Protein backbone atom coordinates (compact mmCIF):
# COMPACT_ATOMS: atom_id res chain seq x y z
CA MET A 1 8.27 10.91 37.30
CA PHE A 2 7.03 10.96 33.73
CA ARG A 3 9.35 10.79 30.73
CA CYS A 4 8.52 10.84 27.06
CA GLY A 5 11.00 9.79 24.39
CA ILE A 6 11.43 7.79 21.22
CA ALA A 7 12.33 4.11 21.58
CA TYR A 8 14.21 3.55 18.33
CA PRO A 9 14.85 -0.19 18.89
CA ARG A 10 11.10 -0.76 18.50
CA CYS A 11 11.43 0.32 14.86
CA ARG A 12 13.11 -3.03 14.25
CA TRP A 13 9.73 -4.74 14.68
CA ILE A 14 7.25 -2.00 13.88
CA LEU A 15 8.46 -1.23 10.34
CA PRO A 16 8.26 -4.83 9.07
CA LEU A 17 4.85 -5.11 10.76
CA LEU A 18 3.65 -2.00 8.90
CA LEU A 19 4.93 -3.50 5.64
CA LEU A 20 2.99 -6.68 6.42
CA PHE A 21 -0.17 -4.57 6.82
CA ALA A 22 0.59 -2.88 3.48
CA ILE A 23 0.89 -6.33 1.85
CA ILE A 24 -2.47 -7.36 3.31
CA PHE A 25 -4.10 -4.11 2.13
CA ASP A 26 -2.63 -4.56 -1.35
CA ILE A 27 -3.86 -8.15 -1.60
CA ILE A 28 -7.35 -7.05 -0.53
CA ALA A 29 -7.37 -4.30 -3.18
CA ILE A 30 -6.12 -6.59 -5.94
CA ALA A 31 -8.30 -9.60 -5.09
CA ALA A 32 -11.55 -7.71 -4.38
CA GLN A 33 -14.40 -8.90 -6.57
CA SER A 34 -17.13 -6.62 -5.27
CA GLY A 35 -15.76 -3.54 -6.90
CA TRP A 36 -13.49 -0.56 -6.91
CA VAL A 37 -16.29 1.57 -8.32
CA GLU A 38 -20.06 1.34 -7.99
CA ASP A 39 -23.07 3.41 -8.84
CA GLU A 40 -25.35 4.52 -6.01
CA ASN A 41 -25.67 1.52 -3.65
CA ALA A 42 -24.38 -0.79 -6.41
CA LYS A 43 -27.91 -1.15 -7.79
CA THR A 44 -27.16 -1.31 -11.50
CA HIS A 45 -23.40 -1.18 -12.11
CA TYR A 46 -20.14 -1.93 -10.34
CA ALA A 47 -16.59 -2.57 -11.49
CA SER A 48 -13.54 -4.09 -9.87
CA MET A 49 -9.99 -4.04 -11.17
CA TRP A 50 -10.80 -7.20 -13.14
CA LYS A 51 -14.42 -6.95 -14.34
CA GLN A 52 -17.54 -4.83 -14.53
CA CYS A 53 -21.08 -5.99 -13.87
CA ARG A 54 -24.43 -4.50 -14.87
CA GLY A 55 -27.88 -5.64 -13.88
CA ARG A 56 -30.73 -5.52 -11.38
CA ASN A 57 -32.28 -7.78 -8.76
CA GLU A 58 -29.46 -10.31 -8.50
CA GLN A 59 -29.38 -10.72 -12.31
CA TRP A 60 -25.91 -9.48 -13.15
CA ASP A 61 -24.21 -9.57 -16.53
CA CYS A 62 -20.46 -9.42 -15.92
CA LYS A 63 -17.71 -8.94 -18.46
CA THR A 64 -13.99 -8.73 -18.07
CA LEU A 65 -12.09 -5.47 -18.16
CA MET A 66 -8.91 -7.31 -19.11
CA GLU A 67 -9.75 -6.80 -22.80
CA LEU A 68 -9.02 -3.10 -22.34
CA PRO A 69 -5.32 -2.09 -22.49
CA TRP A 70 -5.62 0.41 -19.65
CA ALA A 71 -7.14 -2.23 -17.34
CA GLN A 72 -4.32 -4.63 -18.19
CA ALA A 73 -1.83 -1.87 -17.35
CA VAL A 74 -3.54 -1.17 -14.01
CA ALA A 75 -3.53 -4.86 -13.08
CA ALA A 76 0.10 -5.29 -14.12
CA LEU A 77 1.24 -2.20 -12.22
CA MET A 78 -0.64 -3.20 -9.05
CA ILE A 79 0.82 -6.73 -9.16
CA ILE A 80 4.35 -5.44 -9.85
CA GLY A 81 3.95 -3.02 -6.91
CA LEU A 82 2.84 -5.92 -4.70
CA ILE A 83 5.82 -8.05 -5.75
CA ILE A 84 8.25 -5.20 -5.00
CA LEU A 85 6.51 -4.68 -1.64
CA ILE A 86 6.90 -8.38 -0.76
CA ILE A 87 10.60 -8.26 -1.68
CA ALA A 88 11.06 -5.14 0.47
CA PHE A 89 9.25 -6.87 3.35
CA ILE A 90 11.50 -9.92 3.17
CA ILE A 91 14.66 -7.79 3.05
CA SER A 92 13.41 -5.60 5.93
CA PHE A 93 12.63 -8.64 8.03
CA VAL A 94 16.13 -10.02 7.46
CA ALA A 95 17.80 -6.60 7.93
CA LEU A 96 15.94 -5.61 11.10
CA CYS A 97 14.59 -8.70 12.82
CA CYS A 98 17.15 -11.46 12.15
CA SER A 99 20.24 -9.28 12.31
CA LEU A 100 20.82 -5.56 12.27
CA ASN A 101 22.07 -4.68 8.80
CA ILE A 102 21.76 -0.90 8.51
CA SER A 103 23.32 -0.83 5.02
CA LEU A 104 20.19 -2.51 3.55
CA LEU A 105 17.78 0.13 4.87
CA PRO A 106 18.26 2.68 2.03
CA LEU A 107 17.76 -0.16 -0.49
CA ILE A 108 14.47 -1.06 1.20
CA GLY A 109 13.45 2.61 1.19
CA GLY A 110 14.27 2.87 -2.52
CA LEU A 111 12.27 -0.27 -3.34
CA LEU A 112 9.30 1.08 -1.41
CA ILE A 113 9.44 4.47 -3.15
CA LEU A 114 9.57 2.65 -6.51
CA ALA A 115 6.53 0.57 -5.52
CA VAL A 116 4.71 3.74 -4.42
CA ILE A 117 5.34 5.42 -7.79
CA ILE A 118 4.13 2.34 -9.67
CA GLN A 119 0.98 1.99 -7.59
CA ILE A 120 0.14 5.70 -7.71
CA ILE A 121 0.28 5.51 -11.50
CA ALA A 122 -2.10 2.50 -11.43
CA LEU A 123 -4.45 4.14 -8.93
CA ILE A 124 -4.64 7.27 -11.09
CA ILE A 125 -5.02 5.49 -14.45
CA TYR A 126 -8.03 3.50 -13.23
CA PRO A 127 -10.42 6.37 -12.41
CA VAL A 128 -9.28 8.50 -15.36
CA LYS A 129 -9.85 5.75 -17.92
CA PHE A 130 -12.99 4.50 -16.16
CA ASN A 131 -14.50 7.98 -16.39
CA GLU A 132 -13.46 8.33 -20.04
CA GLN A 133 -14.70 4.98 -21.30
CA ILE A 134 -17.29 3.49 -18.94
CA TYR A 135 -18.75 6.37 -16.91
CA GLU A 136 -22.55 6.60 -17.08
CA GLY A 137 -23.58 8.78 -14.17
CA TYR A 138 -22.73 9.14 -10.50
CA TYR A 139 -20.16 6.63 -9.18
CA ILE A 140 -18.51 6.06 -5.81
CA TYR A 141 -14.99 4.67 -5.36
CA THR A 142 -15.39 1.93 -2.76
CA TRP A 143 -13.48 0.24 0.02
CA ALA A 144 -11.33 -1.96 -2.26
CA TYR A 145 -9.97 1.10 -4.10
CA GLY A 146 -9.39 2.68 -0.69
CA PHE A 147 -7.34 -0.32 0.42
CA GLY A 148 -5.12 0.25 -2.62
CA TRP A 149 -4.51 3.83 -1.51
CA GLY A 150 -4.05 2.71 2.10
CA ALA A 151 -1.31 0.28 1.09
CA THR A 152 0.35 2.96 -1.02
CA ILE A 153 0.33 5.48 1.83
CA LEU A 154 1.77 2.90 4.25
CA MET A 155 4.52 2.13 1.73
CA LEU A 156 5.31 5.83 1.33
CA GLY A 157 5.62 6.37 5.08
CA CYS A 158 7.75 3.27 5.57
CA GLY A 159 9.92 4.21 2.58
CA ILE A 160 10.66 7.60 4.13
CA LEU A 161 11.44 6.01 7.50
CA PHE A 162 13.73 3.40 5.94
CA CYS A 163 15.63 6.17 4.14
CA CYS A 164 16.02 8.20 7.36
CA LEU A 165 16.76 5.33 9.76
CA PRO A 166 20.49 4.86 8.90
CA ARG A 167 21.17 8.24 10.54
CA TYR A 168 20.08 6.71 13.84
CA GLU A 169 22.15 3.52 13.73
CA ASP A 170 23.25 3.70 17.38
CA GLU A 171 19.70 4.40 18.56
CA VAL A 172 18.19 1.56 16.53
CA SER A 173 20.82 -0.92 17.72
CA GLY A 174 20.19 0.10 21.35
CA MET A 175 23.76 1.33 21.83
CA ALA A 176 22.79 4.97 22.45
CA LYS A 177 21.08 6.20 25.56
CA THR A 178 17.40 7.11 25.12
CA LYS A 179 16.87 10.83 24.59
CA TYR A 180 13.76 12.08 26.31
CA ILE A 181 11.64 14.77 24.73
CA TYR A 182 9.92 15.58 27.99
CA SER A 183 10.77 14.77 31.58
CA SER A 184 8.80 15.85 34.66
CA ALA A 185 10.65 16.15 37.94
């Protein structure tokens, strides 16, 4: 006999784990030194959230982007988003793993949606201002910038789930019987 259903009690561990992955992705994006943007194969120019480097043959001349107001705004928004994400992770861990406190779930969802909005603004400002002020040809947005978007997408998905989860309080607590979507027999 084969049965397929949703095991809601597993959300108590999976959602904080997904938030932990979002934290790791965000830290990778923020701390990356090798660049958010690079020219073809990073031969003559690359830029991270913090600096840009130009050069050839291992002779790089790097200068900070933190002198530019838009770069300061991007860095501040990404760090604020990370701090909000860490707070949401801590609250979710306490609310779901230590005890079951369903009333905190909409708060966590709201914090995550706020962090998503902040990080989307940062992730949009960077390429727009980079193209306006620094752009000198064909550039590729690299893995570090992608990790920023990956963290933001994880936060969005978790935020939606945290907002919807209070409707399934009995299922999450394990009090309700599992409802099977498909059952063969």
